[in-house]
Amino acid sequence: MGAAFLLTQLGTHCASKFAERVQAIGLTPPQVGILGLIARAPGQSQQSVATTLGLLPSRLVAFVDDLERPGTGGAGAQQ
């Protein structure tokens, strides 16, 4: 087997394990990425976060809305 194939397999395995672990705390990998970016540079606009992550602003809004739902640890959980 080639090195590229093995690296692809390793990356796929790591991504799958990461997704399982963050699911245990009620998050998805994209949500973790968004939270990490916001933690490193608080006070950004949604437009800025979307641009940095290479997302359409409307897609970012959907991720943020999900974070605000009760049970995700977001703002909605405090209501």
C-alpha atoms as a PDB file:
ATOM      1  CA  MET A   1       0.000   0.000   0.000  1.00  0.00           C
ATOM      2  CA  GLY A   2       1.184   3.486  -0.808  1.00  0.00           C
ATOM      3  CA  ALA A   3       1.927   6.188   1.736  1.00  0.00           C
ATOM      4  CA  ALA A   4      -0.827   8.446   0.360  1.00  0.00           C
ATOM      5  CA  PHE A   5      -3.426   5.717   0.812  1.00  0.00           C
ATOM      6  CA  LEU A   6      -2.281   5.017   4.371  1.00  0.00           C
ATOM      7  CA  LEU A   7      -2.333   8.714   5.258  1.00  0.00           C
ATOM      8  CA  THR A   8      -5.844   8.980   3.848  1.00  0.00           C
ATOM      9  CA  GLN A   9      -6.939   6.001   5.938  1.00  0.00           C
ATOM     10  CA  LEU A  10      -5.347   7.509   9.049  1.00  0.00           C
ATOM     11  CA  GLY A  11      -7.037  10.874   8.437  1.00  0.00           C
ATOM     12  CA  THR A  12     -10.405   9.209   7.935  1.00  0.00           C
ATOM     13  CA  HIS A  13      -9.991   7.188  11.134  1.00  0.00           C
ATOM     14  CA  CYS A  14      -8.963  10.262  13.148  1.00  0.00           C
ATOM     15  CA  ALA A  15     -11.872  12.319  11.806  1.00  0.00           C
ATOM     16  CA  SER A  16     -14.301   9.527  12.673  1.00  0.00           C
ATOM     17  CA  LYS A  17     -12.966   9.188  16.233  1.00  0.00           C
ATOM     18  CA  PHE A  18     -13.043  12.962  16.724  1.00  0.00           C
ATOM     19  CA  ALA A  19     -16.663  13.090  15.532  1.00  0.00           C
ATOM     20  CA  GLU A  20     -17.596  10.324  17.995  1.00  0.00           C
ATOM     21  CA  ARG A  21     -15.947  12.130  20.898  1.00  0.00           C
ATOM     22  CA  VAL A  22     -17.508  15.522  20.260  1.00  0.00           C
ATOM     23  CA  GLN A  23     -20.892  13.895  19.674  1.00  0.00           C
ATOM     24  CA  ALA A  24     -20.682  12.663  23.269  1.00  0.00           C
ATOM     25  CA  ILE A  25     -20.837  16.308  24.398  1.00  0.00           C
ATOM     26  CA  GLY A  26     -23.596  17.203  21.946  1.00  0.00           C
ATOM     27  CA  LEU A  27     -21.483  18.909  19.284  1.00  0.00           C
ATOM     28  CA  THR A  28     -20.431  18.298  15.703  1.00  0.00           C
ATOM     29  CA  PRO A  29     -16.912  18.782  14.306  1.00  0.00           C
ATOM     30  CA  PRO A  30     -17.919  21.972  12.437  1.00  0.00           C
ATOM     31  CA  GLN A  31     -19.380  23.411  15.655  1.00  0.00           C
ATOM     32  CA  VAL A  32     -16.128  22.655  17.493  1.00  0.00           C
ATOM     33  CA  GLY A  33     -14.216  24.476  14.745  1.00  0.00           C
ATOM     34  CA  ILE A  34     -16.484  27.502  15.033  1.00  0.00           C
ATOM     35  CA  LEU A  35     -16.178  27.568  18.823  1.00  0.00           C
ATOM     36  CA  GLY A  36     -12.392  27.226  18.578  1.00  0.00           C
ATOM     37  CA  LEU A  37     -12.147  30.140  16.168  1.00  0.00           C
ATOM     38  CA  ILE A  38     -14.377  32.304  18.338  1.00  0.00           C
ATOM     39  CA  ALA A  39     -12.369  31.372  21.455  1.00  0.00           C
ATOM     40  CA  ARG A  40      -9.104  32.389  19.756  1.00  0.00           C
ATOM     41  CA  ALA A  41     -10.510  35.670  18.390  1.00  0.00           C
ATOM     42  CA  PRO A  42     -13.658  36.762  20.256  1.00  0.00           C
ATOM     43  CA  GLY A  43     -15.812  39.630  19.044  1.00  0.00           C
ATOM     44  CA  GLN A  44     -15.770  38.761  15.348  1.00  0.00           C
ATOM     45  CA  SER A  45     -18.836  39.278  13.214  1.00  0.00           C
ATOM     46  CA  GLN A  46     -20.561  36.244  11.747  1.00  0.00           C
ATOM     47  CA  GLN A  47     -19.440  37.470   8.324  1.00  0.00           C
ATOM     48  CA  SER A  48     -15.802  37.467   9.465  1.00  0.00           C
ATOM     49  CA  VAL A  49     -16.086  33.993  10.994  1.00  0.00           C
ATOM     50  CA  ALA A  50     -17.758  32.656   7.837  1.00  0.00           C
ATOM     51  CA  THR A  51     -15.024  34.155   5.641  1.00  0.00           C
ATOM     52  CA  THR A  52     -12.238  32.759   7.841  1.00  0.00           C
ATOM     53  CA  LEU A  53     -13.771  29.277   7.775  1.00  0.00           C
ATOM     54  CA  GLY A  54     -14.621  29.417   4.065  1.00  0.00           C
ATOM     55  CA  LEU A  55     -18.334  29.006   4.738  1.00  0.00           C
ATOM     56  CA  LEU A  56     -21.312  30.721   3.224  1.00  0.00           C
ATOM     57  CA  PRO A  57     -22.700  33.122   5.841  1.00  0.00           C
ATOM     58  CA  SER A  58     -26.080  31.370   5.672  1.00  0.00           C
ATOM     59  CA  ARG A  59     -24.417  28.040   6.516  1.00  0.00           C
ATOM     60  CA  LEU A  60     -22.648  29.596   9.497  1.00  0.00           C
ATOM     61  CA  VAL A  61     -25.988  30.945  10.737  1.00  0.00           C
ATOM     62  CA  ALA A  62     -27.387  27.395  10.691  1.00  0.00           C
ATOM     63  CA  PHE A  63     -24.419  26.125  12.754  1.00  0.00           C
ATOM     64  CA  VAL A  64     -24.781  28.994  15.247  1.00  0.00           C
ATOM     65  CA  ASP A  65     -28.528  28.404  15.515  1.00  0.00           C
ATOM     66  CA  ASP A  66     -27.828  24.759  16.370  1.00  0.00           C
ATOM     67  CA  LEU A  67     -25.342  25.845  19.044  1.00  0.00           C
ATOM     68  CA  GLU A  68     -27.991  28.045  20.647  1.00  0.00           C
ATOM     69  CA  ARG A  69     -30.496  25.199  21.012  1.00  0.00           C
ATOM     70  CA  PRO A  70     -31.054  23.799  24.503  1.00  0.00           C
ATOM     71  CA  GLY A  71     -28.836  20.847  25.327  1.00  0.00           C
ATOM     72  CA  THR A  72     -25.829  22.062  23.342  1.00  0.00           C
ATOM     73  CA  GLY A  73     -24.323  24.177  26.080  1.00  0.00           C
ATOM     74  CA  GLY A  74     -25.026  27.351  24.097  1.00  0.00           C
ATOM     75  CA  ALA A  75     -27.071  30.393  25.019  1.00  0.00           C
ATOM     76  CA  GLY A  76     -30.343  28.501  24.624  1.00  0.00           C
ATOM     77  CA  ALA A  77     -29.338  26.118  27.397  1.00  0.00           C
ATOM     78  CA  GLN A  78     -29.476  28.977  29.879  1.00  0.00           C
ATOM     79  CA  GLN A  79     -33.042  30.013  29.026  1.00  0.00           C
END
